[in-house]
Amino acid sequence: MKLGYARVSTDTQSLDRQIDALNNYGVDELLTEKMTGTKRSRPELDRLIDKMREGDTVVIESLSRLGRSTKDLLALVELFNERGVVLVSLKENIDISTPTGKLLVTVLSALCQFERDLTVQRTNEGLTAARARGRKGGRPPADKKAIEKALKLYDAKAMSISEICEVCGISQGTLYKAKNERENEKENGNYGTEN
């Protein structure tokens, strides 16, 4: 089955050009939506993913209609590959079942990794620059009294973890970290002593 997908970002934009191109290609079913591509969940795209079966072809007018970032586009392409679905993009004249299409997937993977590496590099450079100016990165430490209260509530077993964290204003990770540190101190015989 040939499934067509057309998308524009706003209600004021027209889908006509994409619909014409997809109908001319000969799609069996056409799903359309007016929603920004930056949204992670798009109802019609989700419907398309639910409908597609091995051997189907998903046809789009342009790669930009499917995903706004390289990372999102690559994730969808990989999903199509896993499910045995062919992706065809009319504007770029790409069919991922061909050698050229497979090359595109490889290039997208490399670009995606490059994007991740650049983000990590920029983050580290920003933290270094901030430290050089005397600023620390990351969240401020949680209030010790809030952690102690959370541990007492945890020991009482009267509330769920999420309720304890909400009441005390701390994250679950902070509570589990404090609980593990307390257990390690008990094992080492240091519990209740100040260092």
Protein backbone atom coordinates (compact mmCIF):
# COMPACT_ATOMS: atom_id res chain seq x y z
CA MET A 1 0.00 0.00 0.00
CA LYS A 2 1.22 3.53 -0.80
CA LEU A 3 0.55 5.89 2.11
CA GLY A 4 0.92 9.62 1.48
CA TYR A 5 1.70 12.14 4.22
CA ALA A 6 1.38 15.91 3.78
CA ARG A 7 1.95 18.56 6.44
CA VAL A 8 2.08 22.33 6.77
CA SER A 9 3.02 24.21 9.93
CA THR A 10 0.05 26.57 10.30
CA ASP A 11 -3.67 26.70 9.55
CA THR A 12 -3.13 29.57 7.09
CA GLN A 13 -0.82 27.51 4.86
CA SER A 14 -2.22 25.41 2.01
CA LEU A 15 -1.71 21.67 1.56
CA ASP A 16 -2.85 21.77 -2.10
CA ARG A 17 0.61 21.58 -3.71
CA GLN A 18 1.63 18.58 -1.60
CA ILE A 19 -1.71 16.83 -2.07
CA ASP A 20 -1.49 17.26 -5.86
CA ALA A 21 2.06 15.85 -5.95
CA LEU A 22 1.13 12.84 -3.80
CA ASN A 23 -2.04 12.10 -5.78
CA ASN A 24 -0.06 12.33 -9.03
CA TYR A 25 2.36 9.76 -7.61
CA GLY A 26 -0.60 7.45 -7.02
CA VAL A 27 -0.95 7.07 -3.25
CA ASP A 28 -3.71 4.74 -2.01
CA GLU A 29 -4.38 6.75 1.14
CA LEU A 30 -3.46 10.30 2.10
CA LEU A 31 -3.02 11.64 5.62
CA THR A 32 -2.73 15.40 6.12
CA GLU A 33 -2.22 17.71 9.04
CA LYS A 34 -1.61 21.34 9.87
CA MET A 35 0.84 21.26 12.74
CA THR A 36 4.39 22.39 13.33
CA GLY A 37 7.05 19.78 12.65
CA THR A 38 8.74 20.58 15.96
CA LYS A 39 5.97 18.82 17.89
CA ARG A 40 7.11 15.38 18.94
CA SER A 41 3.67 13.85 18.65
CA ARG A 42 1.63 14.63 15.54
CA PRO A 43 -1.71 12.79 15.41
CA GLU A 44 -1.76 12.06 11.66
CA LEU A 45 1.89 11.02 11.59
CA ASP A 46 1.19 8.73 14.55
CA ARG A 47 -1.79 7.30 12.62
CA LEU A 48 0.43 6.75 9.58
CA ILE A 49 2.96 4.86 11.71
CA ASP A 50 0.16 2.69 13.15
CA LYS A 51 -1.23 1.93 9.65
CA MET A 52 1.99 1.06 7.85
CA ARG A 53 2.88 -2.58 7.35
CA GLU A 54 5.90 -4.40 5.97
CA GLY A 55 6.11 -3.84 2.20
CA ASP A 56 4.21 -0.53 2.31
CA THR A 57 5.59 2.69 0.85
CA VAL A 58 5.32 6.03 2.61
CA VAL A 59 5.39 8.94 0.16
CA ILE A 60 6.13 12.54 1.15
CA GLU A 61 6.53 15.65 -0.97
CA SER A 62 9.73 16.68 0.83
CA LEU A 63 11.89 15.40 3.70
CA SER A 64 11.14 18.62 5.60
CA ARG A 65 7.47 17.56 5.78
CA LEU A 66 8.42 14.52 7.85
CA GLY A 67 10.79 16.02 10.43
CA ARG A 68 12.22 19.42 11.24
CA SER A 69 15.47 18.16 12.73
CA THR A 70 18.00 15.68 11.43
CA LYS A 71 17.60 13.64 14.61
CA ASP A 72 13.81 13.29 14.26
CA LEU A 73 14.03 12.56 10.55
CA LEU A 74 16.66 9.87 11.11
CA ALA A 75 14.59 8.27 13.89
CA LEU A 76 11.62 8.00 11.52
CA VAL A 77 13.75 6.67 8.65
CA GLU A 78 15.22 4.03 10.96
CA LEU A 79 11.72 3.10 12.16
CA PHE A 80 10.58 2.67 8.53
CA ASN A 81 13.63 0.50 7.82
CA GLU A 82 12.97 -1.69 10.87
CA ARG A 83 9.37 -2.24 9.78
CA GLY A 84 10.29 -2.98 6.16
CA VAL A 85 8.59 0.20 4.89
CA VAL A 86 10.03 2.14 1.94
CA LEU A 87 10.19 5.94 2.20
CA VAL A 88 9.94 7.99 -0.99
CA SER A 89 10.53 11.76 -1.04
CA LEU A 90 9.40 13.36 -4.29
CA LYS A 91 11.21 16.70 -4.08
CA GLU A 92 14.61 15.18 -3.31
CA ASN A 93 13.92 12.20 -5.60
CA ILE A 94 14.88 9.78 -2.83
CA ASP A 95 13.78 6.20 -2.32
CA ILE A 96 15.48 4.64 0.72
CA SER A 97 15.28 1.17 -0.78
CA THR A 98 17.84 2.20 -3.44
CA PRO A 99 21.62 2.49 -2.98
CA THR A 100 21.31 6.30 -3.09
CA GLY A 101 18.59 6.18 -0.45
CA LYS A 102 20.71 3.96 1.78
CA LEU A 103 23.58 6.43 1.38
CA LEU A 104 21.23 9.19 2.55
CA VAL A 105 20.43 7.23 5.73
CA THR A 106 24.16 6.84 6.38
CA VAL A 107 24.77 10.56 5.82
CA LEU A 108 21.83 11.46 8.08
CA SER A 109 23.24 9.20 10.81
CA ALA A 110 26.61 10.91 10.53
CA LEU A 111 25.01 14.38 10.63
CA CYS A 112 22.94 13.40 13.63
CA GLN A 113 26.02 12.18 15.50
CA PHE A 114 27.88 15.36 14.47
CA GLU A 115 24.98 17.45 15.84
CA ARG A 116 25.10 15.56 19.17
CA ASP A 117 28.88 15.95 19.40
CA LEU A 118 28.66 19.70 18.74
CA THR A 119 25.99 20.09 21.42
CA VAL A 120 28.17 18.29 23.97
CA GLN A 121 31.21 20.36 22.95
CA ARG A 122 29.31 23.66 23.23
CA THR A 123 27.89 22.66 26.62
CA ASN A 124 31.35 21.79 27.94
CA GLU A 125 32.81 25.04 26.59
CA GLY A 126 29.99 27.00 28.24
CA LEU A 127 30.57 25.28 31.58
CA THR A 128 34.32 25.95 31.36
CA ALA A 129 33.70 29.63 30.59
CA ALA A 130 31.23 29.88 33.49
CA ARG A 131 33.67 28.22 35.92
CA ALA A 132 36.41 30.63 34.83
CA ARG A 133 34.08 33.43 35.98
CA GLY A 134 33.44 31.73 39.31
CA ARG A 135 30.04 30.27 38.49
CA LYS A 136 29.08 26.66 38.98
CA GLY A 137 26.96 24.76 36.50
CA GLY A 138 24.08 22.47 37.31
CA ARG A 139 21.27 22.62 39.79
CA PRO A 140 21.74 24.08 43.24
CA PRO A 141 21.99 21.38 45.91
CA ALA A 142 18.73 20.30 47.55
CA ASP A 143 17.93 21.61 51.02
CA LYS A 144 19.33 19.24 53.68
CA LYS A 145 16.25 19.63 55.90
CA ALA A 146 13.99 18.68 52.97
CA ILE A 147 16.10 15.57 52.33
CA GLU A 148 15.98 14.59 56.03
CA LYS A 149 12.21 15.04 56.06
CA ALA A 150 11.90 12.97 52.87
CA LEU A 151 13.97 10.15 54.39
CA LYS A 152 11.77 10.13 57.52
CA LEU A 153 8.63 9.97 55.37
CA TYR A 154 10.23 7.20 53.30
CA ASP A 155 11.01 5.21 56.46
CA ALA A 156 7.42 5.67 57.71
CA LYS A 157 6.13 4.07 54.46
CA ALA A 158 2.93 6.13 54.72
CA MET A 159 3.34 7.82 51.34
CA SER A 160 4.45 6.91 47.84
CA ILE A 161 7.82 8.08 46.52
CA SER A 162 6.17 10.65 44.22
CA GLU A 163 4.04 12.00 47.10
CA ILE A 164 7.11 12.32 49.34
CA CYS A 165 9.01 14.18 46.63
CA GLU A 166 6.09 16.52 45.98
CA VAL A 167 5.63 17.32 49.69
CA CYS A 168 9.36 17.88 50.25
CA GLY A 169 10.07 19.67 46.98
CA ILE A 170 12.83 17.33 45.83
CA SER A 171 13.26 15.00 42.86
CA GLN A 172 13.01 11.21 43.05
CA GLY A 173 16.66 11.02 42.03
CA THR A 174 17.63 13.18 45.01
CA LEU A 175 15.63 10.98 47.38
CA TYR A 176 17.11 7.74 46.01
CA LYS A 177 20.62 9.21 46.12
CA ALA A 178 20.17 10.24 49.78
CA LYS A 179 18.71 6.82 50.63
CA ASN A 180 21.67 5.03 48.97
CA GLU A 181 24.21 7.31 50.65
CA ARG A 182 22.56 6.61 54.03
CA GLU A 183 22.70 2.85 53.39
CA ASN A 184 26.37 3.08 52.40
CA GLU A 185 27.14 5.06 55.57
CA LYS A 186 25.35 2.42 57.69
CA GLU A 187 27.37 -0.35 56.00
CA ASN A 188 30.62 1.55 56.65
CA GLY A 189 29.66 2.40 60.24
CA ASN A 190 29.67 6.14 59.56
CA TYR A 191 25.93 6.78 59.87
CA GLY A 192 25.09 9.65 62.22
CA THR A 193 28.66 11.01 62.37
CA GLU A 194 29.65 14.33 60.84
CA ASN A 195 32.74 14.33 58.61
